[in-house]
């Protein structure tokens, strides 16, 4: 039950942030409506919003409450599954799931928004680099940097990209029009 509440909390915060960004984006959408099709604008907005939500959750939130003395660095893969760090098991599971889940939308939306990124390796590498930048930044803002987080984030992006390819294949198989982001 704890895990569901924890993930639901992340979802509520994300939905609230998304709604606020949508209101701020409406004037831009109106100005660009003749140059950029609304469907493409929608995809770009969702991708940008997902990036901002991930950055807010990983870099911005909590950075002000920690000091450089509190930071830690884990370069040992799979350590998250071996040690507890005094965290209750349900919270550890929720954090592990959140690290995967928060990158799934990015893995799906990256190839939708940018057709040149419709390659599994390009998406995986791009999101691994984004995760690396986040972990690197976290270390210098007093939070922990963890190789496990990098691996879990990359796995989430990979799963999102695989989901994109499955959905794309279903659209082509059913004879529907091409995906939204395709030029």
C-alpha atoms as a PDB file:
ATOM      1  CA  UNK A   1       0.000   0.000   0.000  1.00  0.00           C
ATOM      2  CA  UNK A   2       2.874   2.349   0.819  1.00  0.00           C
ATOM      3  CA  UNK A   3       4.382   1.876  -2.627  1.00  0.00           C
ATOM      4  CA  UNK A   4       1.097   2.766  -4.348  1.00  0.00           C
ATOM      5  CA  UNK A   5       0.722   5.928  -2.210  1.00  0.00           C
ATOM      6  CA  UNK A   6       4.327   6.937  -2.919  1.00  0.00           C
ATOM      7  CA  UNK A   7       4.003   6.517  -6.703  1.00  0.00           C
ATOM      8  CA  UNK A   8       0.543   8.121  -6.683  1.00  0.00           C
ATOM      9  CA  UNK A   9       2.101  11.119  -4.928  1.00  0.00           C
ATOM     10  CA  UNK A  10       4.669  11.454  -7.722  1.00  0.00           C
ATOM     11  CA  UNK A  11       1.866  11.216 -10.291  1.00  0.00           C
ATOM     12  CA  UNK A  12      -0.241  13.896  -8.587  1.00  0.00           C
ATOM     13  CA  UNK A  13       2.694  16.285  -8.375  1.00  0.00           C
ATOM     14  CA  UNK A  14       3.533  15.598 -12.038  1.00  0.00           C
ATOM     15  CA  UNK A  15      -0.071  16.127 -13.159  1.00  0.00           C
ATOM     16  CA  UNK A  16      -0.243  19.415 -11.255  1.00  0.00           C
ATOM     17  CA  UNK A  17       2.999  20.588 -12.830  1.00  0.00           C
ATOM     18  CA  UNK A  18       1.780  19.503 -16.253  1.00  0.00           C
ATOM     19  CA  UNK A  19      -1.470  21.450 -15.831  1.00  0.00           C
ATOM     20  CA  UNK A  20       0.432  24.594 -14.777  1.00  0.00           C
ATOM     21  CA  UNK A  21       2.792  24.299 -17.752  1.00  0.00           C
ATOM     22  CA  UNK A  22      -0.171  23.762 -20.111  1.00  0.00           C
ATOM     23  CA  UNK A  23      -1.768  27.018 -18.971  1.00  0.00           C
ATOM     24  CA  UNK A  24       1.524  28.860 -19.502  1.00  0.00           C
ATOM     25  CA  UNK A  25       1.969  27.239 -22.933  1.00  0.00           C
ATOM     26  CA  UNK A  26      -1.479  28.183 -24.300  1.00  0.00           C
ATOM     27  CA  UNK A  27      -0.399  31.617 -25.636  1.00  0.00           C
ATOM     28  CA  UNK A  28       2.603  30.057 -27.390  1.00  0.00           C
ATOM     29  CA  UNK A  29       0.369  27.380 -28.900  1.00  0.00           C
ATOM     30  CA  UNK A  30      -1.968  30.080 -30.200  1.00  0.00           C
ATOM     31  CA  UNK A  31       0.916  32.049 -31.757  1.00  0.00           C
ATOM     32  CA  UNK A  32       2.453  28.982 -33.451  1.00  0.00           C
ATOM     33  CA  UNK A  33      -0.784  27.381 -34.665  1.00  0.00           C
ATOM     34  CA  UNK A  34      -0.241  28.376 -38.327  1.00  0.00           C
ATOM     35  CA  UNK A  35       3.443  27.330 -38.506  1.00  0.00           C
ATOM     36  CA  UNK A  36       3.448  24.141 -36.428  1.00  0.00           C
ATOM     37  CA  UNK A  37       0.536  21.685 -36.550  1.00  0.00           C
ATOM     38  CA  UNK A  38      -1.283  21.388 -33.194  1.00  0.00           C
ATOM     39  CA  UNK A  39      -0.560  17.637 -32.963  1.00  0.00           C
ATOM     40  CA  UNK A  40       3.180  18.295 -33.258  1.00  0.00           C
ATOM     41  CA  UNK A  41       2.960  21.128 -30.731  1.00  0.00           C
ATOM     42  CA  UNK A  42       1.207  18.775 -28.354  1.00  0.00           C
ATOM     43  CA  UNK A  43       3.990  16.183 -28.669  1.00  0.00           C
ATOM     44  CA  UNK A  44       6.708  18.824 -28.189  1.00  0.00           C
ATOM     45  CA  UNK A  45       4.873  20.195 -25.164  1.00  0.00           C
ATOM     46  CA  UNK A  46       4.527  16.751 -23.585  1.00  0.00           C
ATOM     47  CA  UNK A  47       8.195  15.944 -24.198  1.00  0.00           C
ATOM     48  CA  UNK A  48       9.345  19.278 -22.757  1.00  0.00           C
ATOM     49  CA  UNK A  49       7.019  18.898 -19.787  1.00  0.00           C
ATOM     50  CA  UNK A  50       8.344  15.386 -19.093  1.00  0.00           C
ATOM     51  CA  UNK A  51      11.937  16.654 -19.185  1.00  0.00           C
ATOM     52  CA  UNK A  52      11.066  19.491 -16.783  1.00  0.00           C
ATOM     53  CA  UNK A  53       9.218  17.156 -14.414  1.00  0.00           C
ATOM     54  CA  UNK A  54      12.158  14.715 -14.362  1.00  0.00           C
ATOM     55  CA  UNK A  55      14.605  17.566 -13.718  1.00  0.00           C
ATOM     56  CA  UNK A  56      12.378  18.976 -10.984  1.00  0.00           C
ATOM     57  CA  UNK A  57      12.079  15.591  -9.286  1.00  0.00           C
ATOM     58  CA  UNK A  58      15.760  14.722  -9.527  1.00  0.00           C
ATOM     59  CA  UNK A  59      17.746  17.947  -9.389  1.00  0.00           C
ATOM     60  CA  UNK A  60      15.638  20.823  -8.087  1.00  0.00           C
ATOM     61  CA  UNK A  61      13.541  19.230  -5.318  1.00  0.00           C
ATOM     62  CA  UNK A  62      15.652  18.503  -2.287  1.00  0.00           C
ATOM     63  CA  UNK A  63      18.748  20.350  -3.504  1.00  0.00           C
ATOM     64  CA  UNK A  64      18.129  23.310  -1.195  1.00  0.00           C
ATOM     65  CA  UNK A  65      17.712  21.062   1.879  1.00  0.00           C
ATOM     66  CA  UNK A  66      21.015  19.247   1.500  1.00  0.00           C
ATOM     67  CA  UNK A  67      24.602  20.324   1.852  1.00  0.00           C
ATOM     68  CA  UNK A  68      27.728  19.173   0.067  1.00  0.00           C
ATOM     69  CA  UNK A  69      28.669  17.186   3.189  1.00  0.00           C
ATOM     70  CA  UNK A  70      25.541  15.012   2.767  1.00  0.00           C
ATOM     71  CA  UNK A  71      26.416  13.831  -0.713  1.00  0.00           C
ATOM     72  CA  UNK A  72      27.392  10.281  -1.510  1.00  0.00           C
ATOM     73  CA  UNK A  73      28.660   8.446  -4.550  1.00  0.00           C
ATOM     74  CA  UNK A  74      27.901   4.842  -5.494  1.00  0.00           C
ATOM     75  CA  UNK A  75      29.823   3.391  -8.413  1.00  0.00           C
ATOM     76  CA  UNK A  76      29.098  -0.262  -7.554  1.00  0.00           C
ATOM     77  CA  UNK A  77      26.379  -1.641  -9.846  1.00  0.00           C
ATOM     78  CA  UNK A  78      23.336  -3.346  -8.264  1.00  0.00           C
ATOM     79  CA  UNK A  79      24.237  -2.076  -4.801  1.00  0.00           C
ATOM     80  CA  UNK A  80      20.688  -0.767  -4.430  1.00  0.00           C
ATOM     81  CA  UNK A  81      19.501  -4.392  -4.293  1.00  0.00           C
ATOM     82  CA  UNK A  82      22.127  -5.466  -1.752  1.00  0.00           C
ATOM     83  CA  UNK A  83      22.112  -2.732   0.893  1.00  0.00           C
ATOM     84  CA  UNK A  84      19.294  -1.061   2.771  1.00  0.00           C
ATOM     85  CA  UNK A  85      20.864   2.286   3.763  1.00  0.00           C
ATOM     86  CA  UNK A  86      18.349   2.368   6.613  1.00  0.00           C
ATOM     87  CA  UNK A  87      15.442   2.790   4.179  1.00  0.00           C
ATOM     88  CA  UNK A  88      12.342   0.641   4.742  1.00  0.00           C
ATOM     89  CA  UNK A  89      11.878  -2.005   2.030  1.00  0.00           C
ATOM     90  CA  UNK A  90       8.617  -0.532   0.604  1.00  0.00           C
ATOM     91  CA  UNK A  91      10.242   2.893   0.191  1.00  0.00           C
ATOM     92  CA  UNK A  92      13.285   1.317  -1.480  1.00  0.00           C
ATOM     93  CA  UNK A  93      11.022  -0.559  -3.909  1.00  0.00           C
ATOM     94  CA  UNK A  94       9.041   2.624  -4.630  1.00  0.00           C
ATOM     95  CA  UNK A  95      12.220   4.585  -5.353  1.00  0.00           C
ATOM     96  CA  UNK A  96      13.533   1.831  -7.609  1.00  0.00           C
ATOM     97  CA  UNK A  97      10.224   1.710  -9.509  1.00  0.00           C
ATOM     98  CA  UNK A  98      10.133   5.513  -9.744  1.00  0.00           C
ATOM     99  CA  UNK A  99      13.628   5.554 -11.281  1.00  0.00           C
ATOM    100  CA  UNK A 100      12.400   3.258 -14.052  1.00  0.00           C
ATOM    101  CA  UNK A 101       8.913   4.739 -14.520  1.00  0.00           C
ATOM    102  CA  UNK A 102       9.955   8.392 -14.768  1.00  0.00           C
ATOM    103  CA  UNK A 103      12.055   7.725 -17.881  1.00  0.00           C
ATOM    104  CA  UNK A 104       9.444   5.592 -19.711  1.00  0.00           C
ATOM    105  CA  UNK A 105       7.539   8.639 -21.075  1.00  0.00           C
ATOM    106  CA  UNK A 106      10.820  10.176 -22.251  1.00  0.00           C
ATOM    107  CA  UNK A 107      11.733   6.957 -24.058  1.00  0.00           C
ATOM    108  CA  UNK A 108       8.344   6.948 -25.756  1.00  0.00           C
ATOM    109  CA  UNK A 109       8.102  10.661 -26.579  1.00  0.00           C
ATOM    110  CA  UNK A 110      11.676  11.206 -27.815  1.00  0.00           C
ATOM    111  CA  UNK A 111      11.155   9.251 -31.074  1.00  0.00           C
ATOM    112  CA  UNK A 112       7.631  10.659 -31.456  1.00  0.00           C
ATOM    113  CA  UNK A 113       8.820  14.268 -31.174  1.00  0.00           C
ATOM    114  CA  UNK A 114      12.041  13.835 -33.139  1.00  0.00           C
ATOM    115  CA  UNK A 115      11.797  11.397 -36.079  1.00  0.00           C
ATOM    116  CA  UNK A 116      15.611  11.268 -36.443  1.00  0.00           C
ATOM    117  CA  UNK A 117      15.674   9.632 -32.999  1.00  0.00           C
ATOM    118  CA  UNK A 118      13.733   6.568 -34.158  1.00  0.00           C
ATOM    119  CA  UNK A 119      16.605   4.282 -33.390  1.00  0.00           C
ATOM    120  CA  UNK A 120      16.732   2.205 -30.218  1.00  0.00           C
ATOM    121  CA  UNK A 121      20.430   2.915 -29.630  1.00  0.00           C
ATOM    122  CA  UNK A 122      20.107   6.671 -30.195  1.00  0.00           C
ATOM    123  CA  UNK A 123      17.246   6.925 -27.708  1.00  0.00           C
ATOM    124  CA  UNK A 124      18.996   4.705 -25.161  1.00  0.00           C
ATOM    125  CA  UNK A 125      22.266   6.642 -25.436  1.00  0.00           C
ATOM    126  CA  UNK A 126      20.519  10.025 -25.274  1.00  0.00           C
ATOM    127  CA  UNK A 127      18.567   9.094 -22.161  1.00  0.00           C
ATOM    128  CA  UNK A 128      21.628   7.461 -20.554  1.00  0.00           C
ATOM    129  CA  UNK A 129      23.484  10.745 -21.089  1.00  0.00           C
ATOM    130  CA  UNK A 130      20.575  12.717 -19.613  1.00  0.00           C
ATOM    131  CA  UNK A 131      20.575  10.416 -16.602  1.00  0.00           C
ATOM    132  CA  UNK A 132      24.350  10.798 -16.258  1.00  0.00           C
ATOM    133  CA  UNK A 133      24.027  14.596 -16.284  1.00  0.00           C
ATOM    134  CA  UNK A 134      21.321  14.361 -13.611  1.00  0.00           C
ATOM    135  CA  UNK A 135      23.409  12.075 -11.386  1.00  0.00           C
ATOM    136  CA  UNK A 136      26.513  14.244 -11.913  1.00  0.00           C
ATOM    137  CA  UNK A 137      24.534  17.363 -10.978  1.00  0.00           C
ATOM    138  CA  UNK A 138      23.008  15.653  -7.944  1.00  0.00           C
ATOM    139  CA  UNK A 139      26.436  14.877  -6.579  1.00  0.00           C
ATOM    140  CA  UNK A 140      27.465  18.531  -6.681  1.00  0.00           C
ATOM    141  CA  UNK A 141      24.190  19.775  -5.187  1.00  0.00           C
ATOM    142  CA  UNK A 142      24.684  17.647  -2.088  1.00  0.00           C
ATOM    143  CA  UNK A 143      22.511  14.698  -3.058  1.00  0.00           C
ATOM    144  CA  UNK A 144      23.705  11.203  -3.864  1.00  0.00           C
ATOM    145  CA  UNK A 145      24.910  10.081  -7.265  1.00  0.00           C
ATOM    146  CA  UNK A 146      24.249   6.434  -7.954  1.00  0.00           C
ATOM    147  CA  UNK A 147      25.179   4.150 -10.851  1.00  0.00           C
ATOM    148  CA  UNK A 148      22.049   2.122 -10.077  1.00  0.00           C
ATOM    149  CA  UNK A 149      19.862   5.185 -10.691  1.00  0.00           C
ATOM    150  CA  UNK A 150      21.602   5.720 -14.022  1.00  0.00           C
ATOM    151  CA  UNK A 151      20.987   2.088 -15.008  1.00  0.00           C
ATOM    152  CA  UNK A 152      17.348   2.143 -13.858  1.00  0.00           C
ATOM    153  CA  UNK A 153      16.649   5.438 -15.648  1.00  0.00           C
ATOM    154  CA  UNK A 154      18.192   4.074 -18.837  1.00  0.00           C
ATOM    155  CA  UNK A 155      16.121   0.892 -18.513  1.00  0.00           C
ATOM    156  CA  UNK A 156      12.969   3.028 -18.221  1.00  0.00           C
ATOM    157  CA  UNK A 157      13.907   4.980 -21.357  1.00  0.00           C
ATOM    158  CA  UNK A 158      14.609   1.734 -23.196  1.00  0.00           C
ATOM    159  CA  UNK A 159      11.215   0.317 -22.173  1.00  0.00           C
ATOM    160  CA  UNK A 160       9.494   3.516 -23.344  1.00  0.00           C
ATOM    161  CA  UNK A 161      11.266   3.330 -26.698  1.00  0.00           C
ATOM    162  CA  UNK A 162      10.326  -0.339 -27.124  1.00  0.00           C
ATOM    163  CA  UNK A 163       6.729   0.611 -26.352  1.00  0.00           C
ATOM    164  CA  UNK A 164       6.951   3.299 -29.069  1.00  0.00           C
ATOM    165  CA  UNK A 165       8.107   0.705 -31.624  1.00  0.00           C
ATOM    166  CA  UNK A 166       5.279  -1.687 -30.663  1.00  0.00           C
ATOM    167  CA  UNK A 167       2.665   1.078 -30.962  1.00  0.00           C
ATOM    168  CA  UNK A 168       4.175   2.240 -34.290  1.00  0.00           C
ATOM    169  CA  UNK A 169       4.054  -1.288 -35.643  1.00  0.00           C
ATOM    170  CA  UNK A 170       0.415  -1.640 -34.586  1.00  0.00           C
ATOM    171  CA  UNK A 171      -0.460   1.630 -36.330  1.00  0.00           C
ATOM    172  CA  UNK A 172       1.215   0.479 -39.549  1.00  0.00           C
ATOM    173  CA  UNK A 173      -0.317  -2.996 -39.334  1.00  0.00           C
ATOM    174  CA  UNK A 174      -3.835  -1.633 -38.903  1.00  0.00           C
ATOM    175  CA  UNK A 175      -3.405   0.696 -41.879  1.00  0.00           C
ATOM    176  CA  UNK A 176      -3.805   3.827 -39.807  1.00  0.00           C
ATOM    177  CA  UNK A 177      -2.036   7.050 -40.569  1.00  0.00           C
ATOM    178  CA  UNK A 178       1.583   7.544 -39.580  1.00  0.00           C
ATOM    179  CA  UNK A 179       2.460   8.462 -35.965  1.00  0.00           C
ATOM    180  CA  UNK A 180       1.989  12.089 -34.854  1.00  0.00           C
ATOM    181  CA  UNK A 181       5.646  13.172 -34.805  1.00  0.00           C
ATOM    182  CA  UNK A 182       6.508  11.812 -38.255  1.00  0.00           C
ATOM    183  CA  UNK A 183       7.453  14.395 -40.859  1.00  0.00           C
END
